[in-house]
Amino acid sequence: MRVKLGGSILALVLLENGRQIRGRMSQLSINGGLVSLEQPLDEGIRVTVLFHLGLTSIRCRGQMLFPMWATQGCLQPFRFLELSEGSRVGLNRELESLVQGDASQEQEEESE
């Protein structure tokens, strides 16, 4: 299950050299996500990704994948490397909640 967030979730990417890069989460799944950044990061580097989704806070090691240029900046996919079981359960619950919320909102719009 992949959820489109449209940049509504702020994310912090911590590089191994201590540098911090701010971005916005564009898509998210239990395996990783797509973060919008001003400048692309090298493919394959390992980072720590931090973000809050609903009641769940995620701090997890990840690996950056090949970036794609966007209208403003780039979209950089990443995959989680060490997502703890507790974080996985919380993230899955929040993603399911978002999907259910979108489905009920679409039903309301159709009935109007």
C-alpha atoms as a PDB file:
ATOM      1  CA  MET A   1       0.000   0.000   0.000  1.00  0.00           C
ATOM      2  CA  ARG A   2       1.444   3.348  -1.089  1.00  0.00           C
ATOM      3  CA  VAL A   3      -0.144   6.595   0.080  1.00  0.00           C
ATOM      4  CA  LYS A   4       0.247   9.913  -1.744  1.00  0.00           C
ATOM      5  CA  LEU A   5       0.829  12.705   0.772  1.00  0.00           C
ATOM      6  CA  GLY A   6       1.390  15.605  -1.610  1.00  0.00           C
ATOM      7  CA  GLY A   7       4.139  17.141   0.509  1.00  0.00           C
ATOM      8  CA  SER A   8       1.937  17.554   3.574  1.00  0.00           C
ATOM      9  CA  ILE A   9       4.377  15.743   5.901  1.00  0.00           C
ATOM     10  CA  LEU A  10       7.686  17.397   6.818  1.00  0.00           C
ATOM     11  CA  ALA A  11      10.734  15.135   6.860  1.00  0.00           C
ATOM     12  CA  LEU A  12      14.302  15.529   8.059  1.00  0.00           C
ATOM     13  CA  VAL A  13      17.080  13.566   6.347  1.00  0.00           C
ATOM     14  CA  LEU A  14      20.251  13.180   8.413  1.00  0.00           C
ATOM     15  CA  LEU A  15      23.430  12.399   6.501  1.00  0.00           C
ATOM     16  CA  GLU A  16      26.276  10.386   8.019  1.00  0.00           C
ATOM     17  CA  ASN A  17      28.460  13.534   8.084  1.00  0.00           C
ATOM     18  CA  GLY A  18      25.914  15.213  10.402  1.00  0.00           C
ATOM     19  CA  ARG A  19      24.323  17.442   7.739  1.00  0.00           C
ATOM     20  CA  GLN A  20      20.548  17.853   8.012  1.00  0.00           C
ATOM     21  CA  ILE A  21      18.326  18.265   4.958  1.00  0.00           C
ATOM     22  CA  ARG A  22      14.691  19.278   5.197  1.00  0.00           C
ATOM     23  CA  GLY A  23      12.141  17.902   2.768  1.00  0.00           C
ATOM     24  CA  ARG A  24       8.493  17.050   2.328  1.00  0.00           C
ATOM     25  CA  MET A  25       7.143  13.530   2.066  1.00  0.00           C
ATOM     26  CA  SER A  26       5.354  13.067  -1.239  1.00  0.00           C
ATOM     27  CA  GLN A  27       4.539   9.343  -0.989  1.00  0.00           C
ATOM     28  CA  LEU A  28       4.952   6.763   1.724  1.00  0.00           C
ATOM     29  CA  SER A  29       4.656   3.014   2.119  1.00  0.00           C
ATOM     30  CA  ILE A  30       5.729   0.445   4.668  1.00  0.00           C
ATOM     31  CA  ASN A  31       8.908  -0.125   2.593  1.00  0.00           C
ATOM     32  CA  GLY A  32       9.991   3.485   2.008  1.00  0.00           C
ATOM     33  CA  GLY A  33       8.875   6.673   0.390  1.00  0.00           C
ATOM     34  CA  LEU A  34       9.406   9.588  -1.940  1.00  0.00           C
ATOM     35  CA  VAL A  35      10.705  12.823  -0.449  1.00  0.00           C
ATOM     36  CA  SER A  36      10.820  16.202  -2.177  1.00  0.00           C
ATOM     37  CA  LEU A  37      14.244  17.874  -1.805  1.00  0.00           C
ATOM     38  CA  GLU A  38      15.832  21.032  -3.215  1.00  0.00           C
ATOM     39  CA  GLN A  39      18.936  19.131  -4.362  1.00  0.00           C
ATOM     40  CA  PRO A  40      19.271  15.397  -5.062  1.00  0.00           C
ATOM     41  CA  LEU A  41      21.343  13.125  -2.870  1.00  0.00           C
ATOM     42  CA  ASP A  42      23.665  10.479  -4.257  1.00  0.00           C
ATOM     43  CA  GLU A  43      22.045   7.157  -5.010  1.00  0.00           C
ATOM     44  CA  GLY A  44      22.961   4.471  -2.489  1.00  0.00           C
ATOM     45  CA  ILE A  45      23.957   6.686   0.437  1.00  0.00           C
ATOM     46  CA  ARG A  46      22.664   5.711   3.856  1.00  0.00           C
ATOM     47  CA  VAL A  47      20.738   8.251   5.867  1.00  0.00           C
ATOM     48  CA  THR A  48      18.460   8.529   8.875  1.00  0.00           C
ATOM     49  CA  VAL A  49      14.928   9.650   8.015  1.00  0.00           C
ATOM     50  CA  LEU A  50      12.748  11.381  10.633  1.00  0.00           C
ATOM     51  CA  PHE A  51       9.080  12.342  10.279  1.00  0.00           C
ATOM     52  CA  HIS A  52       5.767  12.347  12.137  1.00  0.00           C
ATOM     53  CA  LEU A  53       2.624  10.806  10.695  1.00  0.00           C
ATOM     54  CA  GLY A  54      -0.452  11.160  12.874  1.00  0.00           C
ATOM     55  CA  LEU A  55       0.459   9.799  16.299  1.00  0.00           C
ATOM     56  CA  THR A  56       3.498   7.898  15.003  1.00  0.00           C
ATOM     57  CA  SER A  57       7.045   9.260  15.025  1.00  0.00           C
ATOM     58  CA  ILE A  58       9.490   7.499  12.721  1.00  0.00           C
ATOM     59  CA  ARG A  59      13.265   7.613  13.019  1.00  0.00           C
ATOM     60  CA  CYS A  60      14.778   4.994  10.768  1.00  0.00           C
ATOM     61  CA  ARG A  61      17.881   4.206   8.760  1.00  0.00           C
ATOM     62  CA  GLY A  62      17.277   4.344   5.037  1.00  0.00           C
ATOM     63  CA  GLN A  63      19.007   4.202   1.698  1.00  0.00           C
ATOM     64  CA  MET A  64      18.514   6.778  -1.032  1.00  0.00           C
ATOM     65  CA  LEU A  65      17.542   5.566  -4.497  1.00  0.00           C
ATOM     66  CA  PHE A  66      17.908   7.256  -7.910  1.00  0.00           C
ATOM     67  CA  PRO A  67      16.462  10.831  -7.828  1.00  0.00           C
ATOM     68  CA  MET A  68      13.997  12.276 -10.348  1.00  0.00           C
ATOM     69  CA  TRP A  69      13.912  15.976 -11.241  1.00  0.00           C
ATOM     70  CA  ALA A  70      10.607  17.702 -10.561  1.00  0.00           C
ATOM     71  CA  THR A  71       9.177  21.163 -11.290  1.00  0.00           C
ATOM     72  CA  GLN A  72      10.806  22.513  -8.131  1.00  0.00           C
ATOM     73  CA  GLY A  73      13.777  20.528  -6.848  1.00  0.00           C
ATOM     74  CA  CYS A  74      13.732  16.757  -7.078  1.00  0.00           C
ATOM     75  CA  LEU A  75      11.793  13.758  -5.881  1.00  0.00           C
ATOM     76  CA  GLN A  76      14.096  11.280  -4.168  1.00  0.00           C
ATOM     77  CA  PRO A  77      12.897   7.770  -3.438  1.00  0.00           C
ATOM     78  CA  PHE A  78      14.289   5.925  -0.425  1.00  0.00           C
ATOM     79  CA  ARG A  79      13.814   2.580   1.225  1.00  0.00           C
ATOM     80  CA  PHE A  80      13.740   1.777   4.913  1.00  0.00           C
ATOM     81  CA  LEU A  81      16.625  -0.404   6.086  1.00  0.00           C
ATOM     82  CA  GLU A  82      15.980  -0.882   9.800  1.00  0.00           C
ATOM     83  CA  LEU A  83      12.334  -0.132  10.548  1.00  0.00           C
ATOM     84  CA  SER A  84      11.596  -1.522  14.018  1.00  0.00           C
ATOM     85  CA  GLU A  85       8.533  -3.699  14.538  1.00  0.00           C
ATOM     86  CA  GLY A  86       6.875  -1.001  16.665  1.00  0.00           C
ATOM     87  CA  SER A  87       7.478   1.655  14.012  1.00  0.00           C
ATOM     88  CA  ARG A  88       6.267  -0.714  11.269  1.00  0.00           C
ATOM     89  CA  VAL A  89       3.008  -1.385  13.138  1.00  0.00           C
ATOM     90  CA  GLY A  90       2.442   2.337  13.845  1.00  0.00           C
ATOM     91  CA  LEU A  91       3.268   3.360  10.269  1.00  0.00           C
ATOM     92  CA  ASN A  92       0.976   0.690   8.827  1.00  0.00           C
ATOM     93  CA  ARG A  93      -1.872   1.834  11.118  1.00  0.00           C
ATOM     94  CA  GLU A  94      -1.428   5.493  10.076  1.00  0.00           C
ATOM     95  CA  LEU A  95      -1.256   4.606   6.354  1.00  0.00           C
ATOM     96  CA  GLU A  96      -4.426   2.499   6.608  1.00  0.00           C
ATOM     97  CA  SER A  97      -6.144   5.371   8.412  1.00  0.00           C
ATOM     98  CA  LEU A  98      -5.175   7.773   5.604  1.00  0.00           C
ATOM     99  CA  VAL A  99      -6.456   5.378   2.927  1.00  0.00           C
ATOM    100  CA  GLN A 100      -9.775   4.921   4.760  1.00  0.00           C
ATOM    101  CA  GLY A 101     -10.094   8.694   5.206  1.00  0.00           C
ATOM    102  CA  ASP A 102      -9.536   9.276   1.486  1.00  0.00           C
ATOM    103  CA  ALA A 103     -12.106   6.615   0.591  1.00  0.00           C
ATOM    104  CA  SER A 104     -14.772   8.124   2.858  1.00  0.00           C
ATOM    105  CA  GLN A 105     -14.027  11.626   1.536  1.00  0.00           C
ATOM    106  CA  GLU A 106     -14.462  10.410  -2.065  1.00  0.00           C
ATOM    107  CA  GLN A 107     -17.799   8.799  -1.141  1.00  0.00           C
ATOM    108  CA  GLU A 108     -19.009  12.067   0.405  1.00  0.00           C
ATOM    109  CA  GLU A 109     -18.018  14.020  -2.726  1.00  0.00           C
ATOM    110  CA  GLU A 110     -19.836  11.545  -4.972  1.00  0.00           C
ATOM    111  CA  SER A 111     -23.055  11.793  -2.934  1.00  0.00           C
ATOM    112  CA  GLU A 112     -23.189  15.608  -3.120  1.00  0.00           C
END
